[in-house]
Structures are given as C-alpha cells and as structure tokens.
C-alpha cells in the first residue's frame, strides 16, 4: 500500500459522498472553528496562503478574500471538484485548488507566508515527514495555524454516540499520534508540540476552542440525527454493534440530541478543538 493510501481510497470513495452531498451543512456546523482559525491566522493582503485538507474550500475561499493568493490542497477529487465549482460561482480569481497528498507533494520551497488547516492535518501516515514538507513550503518566518479535535470526552456531540455505543460494546482506543492517523490524532498538545519541533517549527502555541456547534448546520432533530448517521466517526462507532444494539443506540442518540434542540435554530451541542500555531525559523 502506498503512502496514505488508505486515506486516498476513503476520501475518493464512500467517505467523500456525505461531505459532497452536505457541503453547506458541514460549513455551517463547523463555522465557529473556521472563524477561530481565520482570526488566529490573521491573513494579510500581501500573503500567499496554503490550505491543507481544504475539503470543499470554505476556508480557502475565506482566506483568498483577504490574501494575495490562496491554494487549497486535498487528496479528494470529489471535494476539490466542489471547491472549484464554488470558486467559479463566487468569481474568485486569486484562488486555485489541486488534488495532492501534502505529505509528499513537491511544494515550491520558501513560497507561502501562511499554512492553515481546519481538521485536515490528522491523517498522515508519517506526520513528521508531512509537517517537514509543509515547513519547507513556508517562507522564512512563515506561520502554520491549524485546528484539530480535542479528545472524544471533550466533544459532547461525539459523546452522544460514544456513550450510546459503550452501553453495548467497549469503545476503541481513539487518539494520539502514536495511535496512527485519525480524527483524534492531535488531541494531545504535548505530542503536537514535539511533532512540530521535530519537523523544524518553533514558537509553538496552543489555544482551546470550545464552541457549541449546530449539528447539520441547523434544522430539526430528525435532520440532525440523519446527518450524524452519515458521518464517518459515527458510522465507525455504530458499525461495532449488531442490529438490535444499533437501533437502541440510535434511539439514545436521538433522545440526547432532542435535549439539545432549540426550535429556533436546531440542535446546538458542545464541541472542542485545539488551535495550534507555530513558525518557520
């Protein structure tokens, strides 16, 4: 199997379908994190920005509106197709998107002023090699700012599923760089600080971002439940159950989300990420 081949197959197959079908809902659900990321990045008009794991391009396009130029990179052809379509519809002419693996892609050295990512840097087979490659793409004193999930226990929206599944089977161990790529790979700030240091970054900083998020970007409880059932982490947890236990777990998730429903906006529930930043010497 090639470098990051499992991720390539997932994000060019079934994992991408839900994101493409519900791109606007994902954007609204994750908006508090995108806002926090862009505030920390503090994009300036003279800067060239590289957005890694850009998905359907919402953060890339937002950066482009403030920067000299922006390049969005993702391993998913379907997601990049959405991003390009959005750029055309919005008539954004200082943005480009490319399908590439950021761990191995030969970015031109000393080119970008800023690397950003919203939940896109947790999936590398070899994180040190990947972050070293990104650092080489930065100009001297260039910065990296990225959002990654805190642990499952800090994310109430995931616990809604995890707690229901745990009533039937033991949950898998999730998280930590040593555990391999995945949603919670960067949940430990000390590990991320060491990783970035090994990749040659300095001036490490971390900030906790703990907003309430609107599941599915708003709507009814049924819409929120249906949306969550299509998410990769949820499908993975529920896939550990037999049919009867799965039905019980879904009922429990629905009940939990109903307790967080504001009929004016939708299901609003706690989420938690780390906002990491560092500098190229």
C-alpha atoms as a PDB file:
ATOM      1  CA  UNK A   1       0.000   0.000   0.000  1.00  0.00           C
ATOM      2  CA  UNK A   2       1.313   3.447  -0.915  1.00  0.00           C
ATOM      3  CA  UNK A   3       1.811   6.488   1.308  1.00  0.00           C
ATOM      4  CA  UNK A   4      -1.509   7.472   2.924  1.00  0.00           C
ATOM      5  CA  UNK A   5      -3.218   5.071   0.523  1.00  0.00           C
ATOM      6  CA  UNK A   6      -5.997   4.231   2.982  1.00  0.00           C
ATOM      7  CA  UNK A   7      -6.915   7.900   3.254  1.00  0.00           C
ATOM      8  CA  UNK A   8      -6.744   8.367  -0.517  1.00  0.00           C
ATOM      9  CA  UNK A   9      -9.152   5.484  -1.055  1.00  0.00           C
ATOM     10  CA  UNK A  10     -11.525   6.611   1.688  1.00  0.00           C
ATOM     11  CA  UNK A  11     -11.720  10.250   0.587  1.00  0.00           C
ATOM     12  CA  UNK A  12     -12.132   9.370  -3.077  1.00  0.00           C
ATOM     13  CA  UNK A  13     -14.806   6.818  -2.215  1.00  0.00           C
ATOM     14  CA  UNK A  14     -17.506   6.491   0.395  1.00  0.00           C
ATOM     15  CA  UNK A  15     -16.090   8.977   2.887  1.00  0.00           C
ATOM     16  CA  UNK A  16     -16.437  11.849   0.425  1.00  0.00           C
ATOM     17  CA  UNK A  17     -20.076  11.249  -0.512  1.00  0.00           C
ATOM     18  CA  UNK A  18     -21.582  12.649   2.673  1.00  0.00           C
ATOM     19  CA  UNK A  19     -19.350  15.731   2.507  1.00  0.00           C
ATOM     20  CA  UNK A  20     -20.238  16.451  -1.120  1.00  0.00           C
ATOM     21  CA  UNK A  21     -23.953  15.924  -0.554  1.00  0.00           C
ATOM     22  CA  UNK A  22     -23.997  18.135   2.565  1.00  0.00           C
ATOM     23  CA  UNK A  23     -21.160  20.612   1.979  1.00  0.00           C
ATOM     24  CA  UNK A  24     -23.175  23.647   3.064  1.00  0.00           C
ATOM     25  CA  UNK A  25     -24.365  21.880   6.219  1.00  0.00           C
ATOM     26  CA  UNK A  26     -20.794  20.965   7.161  1.00  0.00           C
ATOM     27  CA  UNK A  27     -19.735  24.575   6.629  1.00  0.00           C
ATOM     28  CA  UNK A  28     -22.448  25.865   8.964  1.00  0.00           C
ATOM     29  CA  UNK A  29     -21.740  23.184  11.565  1.00  0.00           C
ATOM     30  CA  UNK A  30     -18.023  23.950  11.655  1.00  0.00           C
ATOM     31  CA  UNK A  31     -18.279  27.730  11.217  1.00  0.00           C
ATOM     32  CA  UNK A  32     -17.200  28.550  14.805  1.00  0.00           C
ATOM     33  CA  UNK A  33     -13.943  26.674  14.219  1.00  0.00           C
ATOM     34  CA  UNK A  34     -13.357  28.283  10.814  1.00  0.00           C
ATOM     35  CA  UNK A  35     -13.897  31.702  12.377  1.00  0.00           C
ATOM     36  CA  UNK A  36     -11.416  30.934  15.176  1.00  0.00           C
ATOM     37  CA  UNK A  37      -8.837  29.622  12.697  1.00  0.00           C
ATOM     38  CA  UNK A  38      -9.052  32.666  10.433  1.00  0.00           C
ATOM     39  CA  UNK A  39      -8.919  35.027  13.395  1.00  0.00           C
ATOM     40  CA  UNK A  40      -5.706  33.378  14.619  1.00  0.00           C
ATOM     41  CA  UNK A  41      -4.220  33.213  11.121  1.00  0.00           C
ATOM     42  CA  UNK A  42      -4.801  36.958  10.673  1.00  0.00           C
ATOM     43  CA  UNK A  43      -4.457  36.766   6.888  1.00  0.00           C
ATOM     44  CA  UNK A  44      -2.905  39.881   5.332  1.00  0.00           C
ATOM     45  CA  UNK A  45      -3.340  41.261   1.780  1.00  0.00           C
ATOM     46  CA  UNK A  46       0.302  40.605   0.827  1.00  0.00           C
ATOM     47  CA  UNK A  47       0.297  36.949   1.868  1.00  0.00           C
ATOM     48  CA  UNK A  48       0.192  33.712  -0.101  1.00  0.00           C
ATOM     49  CA  UNK A  49      -1.823  31.102   1.820  1.00  0.00           C
ATOM     50  CA  UNK A  50      -1.695  27.301   1.599  1.00  0.00           C
ATOM     51  CA  UNK A  51      -4.775  25.473   2.936  1.00  0.00           C
ATOM     52  CA  UNK A  52      -4.184  21.765   3.587  1.00  0.00           C
ATOM     53  CA  UNK A  53      -7.066  19.295   3.706  1.00  0.00           C
ATOM     54  CA  UNK A  54      -9.196  22.089   2.309  1.00  0.00           C
ATOM     55  CA  UNK A  55     -12.183  19.864   1.534  1.00  0.00           C
ATOM     56  CA  UNK A  56     -14.897  21.811  -0.275  1.00  0.00           C
ATOM     57  CA  UNK A  57     -12.875  25.003   0.006  1.00  0.00           C
ATOM     58  CA  UNK A  58     -14.699  27.169   2.515  1.00  0.00           C
ATOM     59  CA  UNK A  59     -11.579  28.203   4.458  1.00  0.00           C
ATOM     60  CA  UNK A  60      -9.508  28.581   1.275  1.00  0.00           C
ATOM     61  CA  UNK A  61     -12.039  30.945  -0.241  1.00  0.00           C
ATOM     62  CA  UNK A  62     -12.295  32.897   3.002  1.00  0.00           C
ATOM     63  CA  UNK A  63      -8.505  33.236   3.092  1.00  0.00           C
ATOM     64  CA  UNK A  64      -8.434  34.279  -0.573  1.00  0.00           C
ATOM     65  CA  UNK A  65     -10.829  37.133   0.191  1.00  0.00           C
ATOM     66  CA  UNK A  66      -8.136  38.601   2.467  1.00  0.00           C
ATOM     67  CA  UNK A  67      -4.881  37.423   0.867  1.00  0.00           C
ATOM     68  CA  UNK A  68      -2.824  37.988  -2.269  1.00  0.00           C
ATOM     69  CA  UNK A  69      -3.466  34.369  -3.234  1.00  0.00           C
ATOM     70  CA  UNK A  70      -4.641  31.059  -1.786  1.00  0.00           C
ATOM     71  CA  UNK A  71      -4.039  27.448  -2.775  1.00  0.00           C
ATOM     72  CA  UNK A  72      -6.285  24.696  -1.428  1.00  0.00           C
ATOM     73  CA  UNK A  73      -4.944  21.128  -1.386  1.00  0.00           C
ATOM     74  CA  UNK A  74      -6.800  17.909  -0.659  1.00  0.00           C
ATOM     75  CA  UNK A  75      -6.434  14.227  -1.553  1.00  0.00           C
ATOM     76  CA  UNK A  76     -10.119  14.014  -2.520  1.00  0.00           C
ATOM     77  CA  UNK A  77     -11.081  14.574  -6.143  1.00  0.00           C
ATOM     78  CA  UNK A  78     -14.808  14.901  -5.299  1.00  0.00           C
ATOM     79  CA  UNK A  79     -14.221  17.543  -2.612  1.00  0.00           C
ATOM     80  CA  UNK A  80     -11.833  19.545  -4.798  1.00  0.00           C
ATOM     81  CA  UNK A  81     -14.446  19.481  -7.580  1.00  0.00           C
ATOM     82  CA  UNK A  82     -16.902  21.178  -5.201  1.00  0.00           C
ATOM     83  CA  UNK A  83     -14.262  23.722  -4.166  1.00  0.00           C
ATOM     84  CA  UNK A  84     -13.503  24.630  -7.775  1.00  0.00           C
ATOM     85  CA  UNK A  85     -17.193  24.998  -8.567  1.00  0.00           C
ATOM     86  CA  UNK A  86     -17.635  27.307  -5.586  1.00  0.00           C
ATOM     87  CA  UNK A  87     -14.708  29.457  -6.734  1.00  0.00           C
ATOM     88  CA  UNK A  88     -16.271  29.784 -10.184  1.00  0.00           C
ATOM     89  CA  UNK A  89     -19.685  30.636  -8.755  1.00  0.00           C
ATOM     90  CA  UNK A  90     -18.158  33.268  -6.485  1.00  0.00           C
ATOM     91  CA  UNK A  91     -15.888  34.638  -9.254  1.00  0.00           C
ATOM     92  CA  UNK A  92     -12.799  34.325  -7.046  1.00  0.00           C
ATOM     93  CA  UNK A  93      -9.761  34.724  -9.291  1.00  0.00           C
ATOM     94  CA  UNK A  94      -6.891  34.615  -6.780  1.00  0.00           C
ATOM     95  CA  UNK A  95      -7.515  31.035  -5.643  1.00  0.00           C
ATOM     96  CA  UNK A  96      -6.525  27.650  -7.001  1.00  0.00           C
ATOM     97  CA  UNK A  97      -7.223  24.096  -5.911  1.00  0.00           C
ATOM     98  CA  UNK A  98      -5.183  20.954  -6.502  1.00  0.00           C
ATOM     99  CA  UNK A  99      -5.556  17.269  -5.688  1.00  0.00           C
ATOM    100  CA  UNK A 100      -2.385  16.166  -3.914  1.00  0.00           C
ATOM    101  CA  UNK A 101      -1.009  14.409  -0.848  1.00  0.00           C
ATOM    102  CA  UNK A 102       0.561  17.126   1.297  1.00  0.00           C
ATOM    103  CA  UNK A 103       2.944  14.590   2.862  1.00  0.00           C
ATOM    104  CA  UNK A 104       4.770  14.012  -0.428  1.00  0.00           C
ATOM    105  CA  UNK A 105       3.710  16.781  -2.826  1.00  0.00           C
ATOM    106  CA  UNK A 106       6.696  18.831  -4.078  1.00  0.00           C
ATOM    107  CA  UNK A 107       5.512  22.266  -2.998  1.00  0.00           C
ATOM    108  CA  UNK A 108       7.878  25.017  -4.148  1.00  0.00           C
ATOM    109  CA  UNK A 109      10.168  25.909  -1.263  1.00  0.00           C
ATOM    110  CA  UNK A 110      10.006  29.222   0.595  1.00  0.00           C
ATOM    111  CA  UNK A 111       6.790  30.171  -1.215  1.00  0.00           C
ATOM    112  CA  UNK A 112       3.905  30.556   1.213  1.00  0.00           C
ATOM    113  CA  UNK A 113       3.543  33.027   4.052  1.00  0.00           C
ATOM    114  CA  UNK A 114       0.906  31.016   5.876  1.00  0.00           C
ATOM    115  CA  UNK A 115      -0.284  27.404   6.084  1.00  0.00           C
ATOM    116  CA  UNK A 116      -3.764  26.857   7.501  1.00  0.00           C
ATOM    117  CA  UNK A 117      -5.954  23.807   8.014  1.00  0.00           C
ATOM    118  CA  UNK A 118      -9.349  23.081   9.502  1.00  0.00           C
ATOM    119  CA  UNK A 119      -9.351  19.456  10.710  1.00  0.00           C
ATOM    120  CA  UNK A 120      -7.174  18.399   7.786  1.00  0.00           C
ATOM    121  CA  UNK A 121      -3.783  17.521   9.305  1.00  0.00           C
ATOM    122  CA  UNK A 122      -4.620  14.490  11.478  1.00  0.00           C
ATOM    123  CA  UNK A 123      -4.472  11.835   8.761  1.00  0.00           C
ATOM    124  CA  UNK A 124      -0.821  11.422   7.747  1.00  0.00           C
ATOM    125  CA  UNK A 125       0.933   8.046   7.918  1.00  0.00           C
ATOM    126  CA  UNK A 126       4.188   9.872   8.708  1.00  0.00           C
ATOM    127  CA  UNK A 127       3.355  13.159  10.454  1.00  0.00           C
ATOM    128  CA  UNK A 128       6.971  14.323  10.878  1.00  0.00           C
ATOM    129  CA  UNK A 129       7.641  13.930   7.153  1.00  0.00           C
ATOM    130  CA  UNK A 130       4.360  15.671   6.312  1.00  0.00           C
ATOM    131  CA  UNK A 131       4.894  18.658   8.594  1.00  0.00           C
ATOM    132  CA  UNK A 132       8.524  18.945   7.481  1.00  0.00           C
ATOM    133  CA  UNK A 133       7.298  19.128   3.892  1.00  0.00           C
ATOM    134  CA  UNK A 134       4.840  21.870   4.819  1.00  0.00           C
ATOM    135  CA  UNK A 135       7.522  23.823   6.702  1.00  0.00           C
ATOM    136  CA  UNK A 136       9.794  23.763   3.650  1.00  0.00           C
ATOM    137  CA  UNK A 137       6.995  25.346   1.628  1.00  0.00           C
ATOM    138  CA  UNK A 138       6.921  28.328   4.001  1.00  0.00           C
ATOM    139  CA  UNK A 139       8.996  31.445   3.596  1.00  0.00           C
ATOM    140  CA  UNK A 140      11.322  32.281   6.492  1.00  0.00           C
ATOM    141  CA  UNK A 141       9.224  33.382   9.486  1.00  0.00           C
ATOM    142  CA  UNK A 142       6.128  31.963   7.802  1.00  0.00           C
ATOM    143  CA  UNK A 143       3.474  30.535  10.089  1.00  0.00           C
ATOM    144  CA  UNK A 144       1.254  27.477  10.375  1.00  0.00           C
ATOM    145  CA  UNK A 145      -2.133  27.640  12.118  1.00  0.00           C
ATOM    146  CA  UNK A 146      -4.464  24.668  12.278  1.00  0.00           C
ATOM    147  CA  UNK A 147      -7.473  23.284  14.127  1.00  0.00           C
ATOM    148  CA  UNK A 148      -7.591  19.685  15.379  1.00  0.00           C
ATOM    149  CA  UNK A 149     -10.119  17.919  17.574  1.00  0.00           C
ATOM    150  CA  UNK A 150      -9.654  17.563  21.289  1.00  0.00           C
ATOM    151  CA  UNK A 151     -10.408  14.092  22.678  1.00  0.00           C
ATOM    152  CA  UNK A 152     -13.710  12.281  22.445  1.00  0.00           C
ATOM    153  CA  UNK A 153     -14.574  13.079  26.071  1.00  0.00           C
ATOM    154  CA  UNK A 154     -14.273  16.814  25.402  1.00  0.00           C
ATOM    155  CA  UNK A 155     -16.630  16.661  22.421  1.00  0.00           C
ATOM    156  CA  UNK A 156     -20.159  16.361  23.676  1.00  0.00           C
ATOM    157  CA  UNK A 157     -21.521  15.856  20.164  1.00  0.00           C
ATOM    158  CA  UNK A 158     -19.375  12.731  19.673  1.00  0.00           C
ATOM    159  CA  UNK A 159     -20.080  11.518  23.214  1.00  0.00           C
ATOM    160  CA  UNK A 160     -23.761  11.445  22.285  1.00  0.00           C
ATOM    161  CA  UNK A 161     -22.852   8.494  20.068  1.00  0.00           C
ATOM    162  CA  UNK A 162     -19.922   7.111  22.059  1.00  0.00           C
ATOM    163  CA  UNK A 163     -21.895   6.850  25.293  1.00  0.00           C
ATOM    164  CA  UNK A 164     -24.736   5.077  23.498  1.00  0.00           C
ATOM    165  CA  UNK A 165     -22.375   2.586  21.859  1.00  0.00           C
ATOM    166  CA  UNK A 166     -20.496   2.000  25.134  1.00  0.00           C
ATOM    167  CA  UNK A 167     -23.681   0.584  26.644  1.00  0.00           C
ATOM    168  CA  UNK A 168     -23.209  -2.419  24.355  1.00  0.00           C
ATOM    169  CA  UNK A 169     -19.511  -2.829  23.488  1.00  0.00           C
ATOM    170  CA  UNK A 170     -16.174  -1.471  24.633  1.00  0.00           C
ATOM    171  CA  UNK A 171     -15.162   1.624  22.708  1.00  0.00           C
ATOM    172  CA  UNK A 172     -11.963   1.503  20.658  1.00  0.00           C
ATOM    173  CA  UNK A 173      -8.930   3.444  21.796  1.00  0.00           C
ATOM    174  CA  UNK A 174      -9.073   6.741  19.947  1.00  0.00           C
ATOM    175  CA  UNK A 175      -6.402   9.370  19.612  1.00  0.00           C
ATOM    176  CA  UNK A 176      -2.774  10.237  19.967  1.00  0.00           C
ATOM    177  CA  UNK A 177      -0.140  10.465  17.263  1.00  0.00           C
ATOM    178  CA  UNK A 178       1.251   7.045  18.181  1.00  0.00           C
ATOM    179  CA  UNK A 179      -2.198   5.567  17.537  1.00  0.00           C
ATOM    180  CA  UNK A 180      -1.926   6.473  13.870  1.00  0.00           C
ATOM    181  CA  UNK A 181      -3.929   8.786  11.639  1.00  0.00           C
ATOM    182  CA  UNK A 182      -7.495   9.629  12.566  1.00  0.00           C
ATOM    183  CA  UNK A 183      -9.918  12.187  13.891  1.00  0.00           C
ATOM    184  CA  UNK A 184      -8.299  12.422  17.344  1.00  0.00           C
ATOM    185  CA  UNK A 185      -4.644  12.007  16.330  1.00  0.00           C
ATOM    186  CA  UNK A 186      -3.755  15.518  17.533  1.00  0.00           C
ATOM    187  CA  UNK A 187      -5.715  15.586  20.764  1.00  0.00           C
ATOM    188  CA  UNK A 188      -2.589  15.824  22.965  1.00  0.00           C
ATOM    189  CA  UNK A 189      -0.897  19.268  22.801  1.00  0.00           C
ATOM    190  CA  UNK A 190       2.402  17.970  24.213  1.00  0.00           C
ATOM    191  CA  UNK A 191       2.601  15.394  21.423  1.00  0.00           C
ATOM    192  CA  UNK A 192       1.807  18.015  18.788  1.00  0.00           C
ATOM    193  CA  UNK A 193       4.442  20.368  20.225  1.00  0.00           C
ATOM    194  CA  UNK A 194       7.014  17.573  19.941  1.00  0.00           C
ATOM    195  CA  UNK A 195       5.862  16.735  16.411  1.00  0.00           C
ATOM    196  CA  UNK A 196       6.163  20.323  15.220  1.00  0.00           C
ATOM    197  CA  UNK A 197       9.557  20.665  16.865  1.00  0.00           C
ATOM    198  CA  UNK A 198      10.766  17.513  15.117  1.00  0.00           C
ATOM    199  CA  UNK A 199       9.557  18.996  11.823  1.00  0.00           C
ATOM    200  CA  UNK A 200      11.633  22.129  12.440  1.00  0.00           C
ATOM    201  CA  UNK A 201       8.956  24.549  13.648  1.00  0.00           C
ATOM    202  CA  UNK A 202       9.457  26.948  16.549  1.00  0.00           C
ATOM    203  CA  UNK A 203       7.299  29.279  18.681  1.00  0.00           C
ATOM    204  CA  UNK A 204       4.605  26.672  19.358  1.00  0.00           C
ATOM    205  CA  UNK A 205       1.296  27.944  20.739  1.00  0.00           C
ATOM    206  CA  UNK A 206      -1.994  26.255  21.554  1.00  0.00           C
ATOM    207  CA  UNK A 207      -5.454  27.610  22.347  1.00  0.00           C
ATOM    208  CA  UNK A 208      -8.595  25.736  23.389  1.00  0.00           C
ATOM    209  CA  UNK A 209     -11.654  26.445  21.227  1.00  0.00           C
ATOM    210  CA  UNK A 210     -14.903  25.127  22.748  1.00  0.00           C
ATOM    211  CA  UNK A 211     -17.984  26.421  20.923  1.00  0.00           C
ATOM    212  CA  UNK A 212     -21.416  24.942  20.698  1.00  0.00           C
ATOM    213  CA  UNK A 213     -21.998  23.753  17.151  1.00  0.00           C
ATOM    214  CA  UNK A 214     -25.228  23.330  15.201  1.00  0.00           C
ATOM    215  CA  UNK A 215     -25.461  19.695  14.137  1.00  0.00           C
ATOM    216  CA  UNK A 216     -26.145  19.593  10.386  1.00  0.00           C
ATOM    217  CA  UNK A 217     -25.901  23.359  10.429  1.00  0.00           C
ATOM    218  CA  UNK A 218     -29.409  23.677  11.852  1.00  0.00           C
ATOM    219  CA  UNK A 219     -32.761  22.019  11.324  1.00  0.00           C
ATOM    220  CA  UNK A 220     -34.932  19.512  13.115  1.00  0.00           C
ATOM    221  CA  UNK A 221     -33.801  16.768  15.478  1.00  0.00           C
ATOM    222  CA  UNK A 222     -34.584  14.186  12.792  1.00  0.00           C
ATOM    223  CA  UNK A 223     -32.394  16.078  10.329  1.00  0.00           C
ATOM    224  CA  UNK A 224     -29.596  16.257  12.889  1.00  0.00           C
ATOM    225  CA  UNK A 225     -29.793  12.522  13.604  1.00  0.00           C
ATOM    226  CA  UNK A 226     -29.889  11.652   9.902  1.00  0.00           C
ATOM    227  CA  UNK A 227     -26.889  13.889   9.246  1.00  0.00           C
ATOM    228  CA  UNK A 228     -24.849  12.381  12.072  1.00  0.00           C
ATOM    229  CA  UNK A 229     -25.587   8.841  10.917  1.00  0.00           C
ATOM    230  CA  UNK A 230     -23.770   9.649   7.684  1.00  0.00           C
ATOM    231  CA  UNK A 231     -20.591  10.905   9.373  1.00  0.00           C
ATOM    232  CA  UNK A 232     -17.521   8.683   9.305  1.00  0.00           C
ATOM    233  CA  UNK A 233     -16.841   8.674  13.055  1.00  0.00           C
ATOM    234  CA  UNK A 234     -20.485   7.844  13.779  1.00  0.00           C
ATOM    235  CA  UNK A 235     -20.661   5.074  11.196  1.00  0.00           C
ATOM    236  CA  UNK A 236     -17.460   3.626  12.631  1.00  0.00           C
ATOM    237  CA  UNK A 237     -18.802   3.540  16.179  1.00  0.00           C
ATOM    238  CA  UNK A 238     -22.236   2.220  15.257  1.00  0.00           C
ATOM    239  CA  UNK A 239     -20.667  -0.373  12.977  1.00  0.00           C
ATOM    240  CA  UNK A 240     -19.405  -2.190  16.069  1.00  0.00           C
ATOM    241  CA  UNK A 241     -22.982  -3.100  17.052  1.00  0.00           C
ATOM    242  CA  UNK A 242     -25.439  -5.747  15.930  1.00  0.00           C
ATOM    243  CA  UNK A 243     -28.790  -4.645  14.513  1.00  0.00           C
ATOM    244  CA  UNK A 244     -30.709  -4.582  17.800  1.00  0.00           C
ATOM    245  CA  UNK A 245     -27.974  -2.765  19.693  1.00  0.00           C
ATOM    246  CA  UNK A 246     -27.575  -0.317  16.826  1.00  0.00           C
ATOM    247  CA  UNK A 247     -31.291   0.524  16.922  1.00  0.00           C
ATOM    248  CA  UNK A 248     -31.067   1.091  20.677  1.00  0.00           C
ATOM    249  CA  UNK A 249     -28.014   3.311  20.252  1.00  0.00           C
ATOM    250  CA  UNK A 250     -29.663   5.418  17.543  1.00  0.00           C
ATOM    251  CA  UNK A 251     -32.698   5.900  19.767  1.00  0.00           C
ATOM    252  CA  UNK A 252     -30.422   7.047  22.590  1.00  0.00           C
ATOM    253  CA  UNK A 253     -28.591   9.460  20.278  1.00  0.00           C
ATOM    254  CA  UNK A 254     -31.900  10.880  19.099  1.00  0.00           C
ATOM    255  CA  UNK A 255     -33.005  11.411  22.695  1.00  0.00           C
ATOM    256  CA  UNK A 256     -29.738  13.151  23.590  1.00  0.00           C
ATOM    257  CA  UNK A 257     -29.925  15.471  20.587  1.00  0.00           C
ATOM    258  CA  UNK A 258     -33.559  16.267  21.354  1.00  0.00           C
ATOM    259  CA  UNK A 259     -32.429  17.507  24.772  1.00  0.00           C
ATOM    260  CA  UNK A 260     -30.156  19.995  22.987  1.00  0.00           C
ATOM    261  CA  UNK A 261     -32.721  21.214  20.493  1.00  0.00           C
ATOM    262  CA  UNK A 262     -33.573  24.884  20.187  1.00  0.00           C
ATOM    263  CA  UNK A 263     -36.559  25.026  17.879  1.00  0.00           C
ATOM    264  CA  UNK A 264     -35.426  28.413  16.619  1.00  0.00           C
ATOM    265  CA  UNK A 265     -32.024  27.254  15.397  1.00  0.00           C
ATOM    266  CA  UNK A 266     -31.572  23.497  15.693  1.00  0.00           C
ATOM    267  CA  UNK A 267     -29.536  21.066  17.756  1.00  0.00           C
ATOM    268  CA  UNK A 268     -26.761  23.018  19.486  1.00  0.00           C
ATOM    269  CA  UNK A 269     -24.227  20.928  21.402  1.00  0.00           C
ATOM    270  CA  UNK A 270     -20.697  21.256  22.746  1.00  0.00           C
ATOM    271  CA  UNK A 271     -17.574  20.683  20.658  1.00  0.00           C
ATOM    272  CA  UNK A 272     -13.884  21.172  21.391  1.00  0.00           C
ATOM    273  CA  UNK A 273     -10.799  21.702  19.288  1.00  0.00           C
ATOM    274  CA  UNK A 274      -7.200  22.775  19.734  1.00  0.00           C
ATOM    275  CA  UNK A 275      -5.985  25.732  17.707  1.00  0.00           C
ATOM    276  CA  UNK A 276      -2.271  25.126  17.153  1.00  0.00           C
ATOM    277  CA  UNK A 277       0.230  27.528  15.663  1.00  0.00           C
ATOM    278  CA  UNK A 278       3.986  27.619  15.076  1.00  0.00           C
ATOM    279  CA  UNK A 279       6.572  29.412  12.969  1.00  0.00           C
ATOM    280  CA  UNK A 280       9.198  28.554  10.410  1.00  0.00           C
ATOM    281  CA  UNK A 281      12.517  29.857  11.786  1.00  0.00           C
END
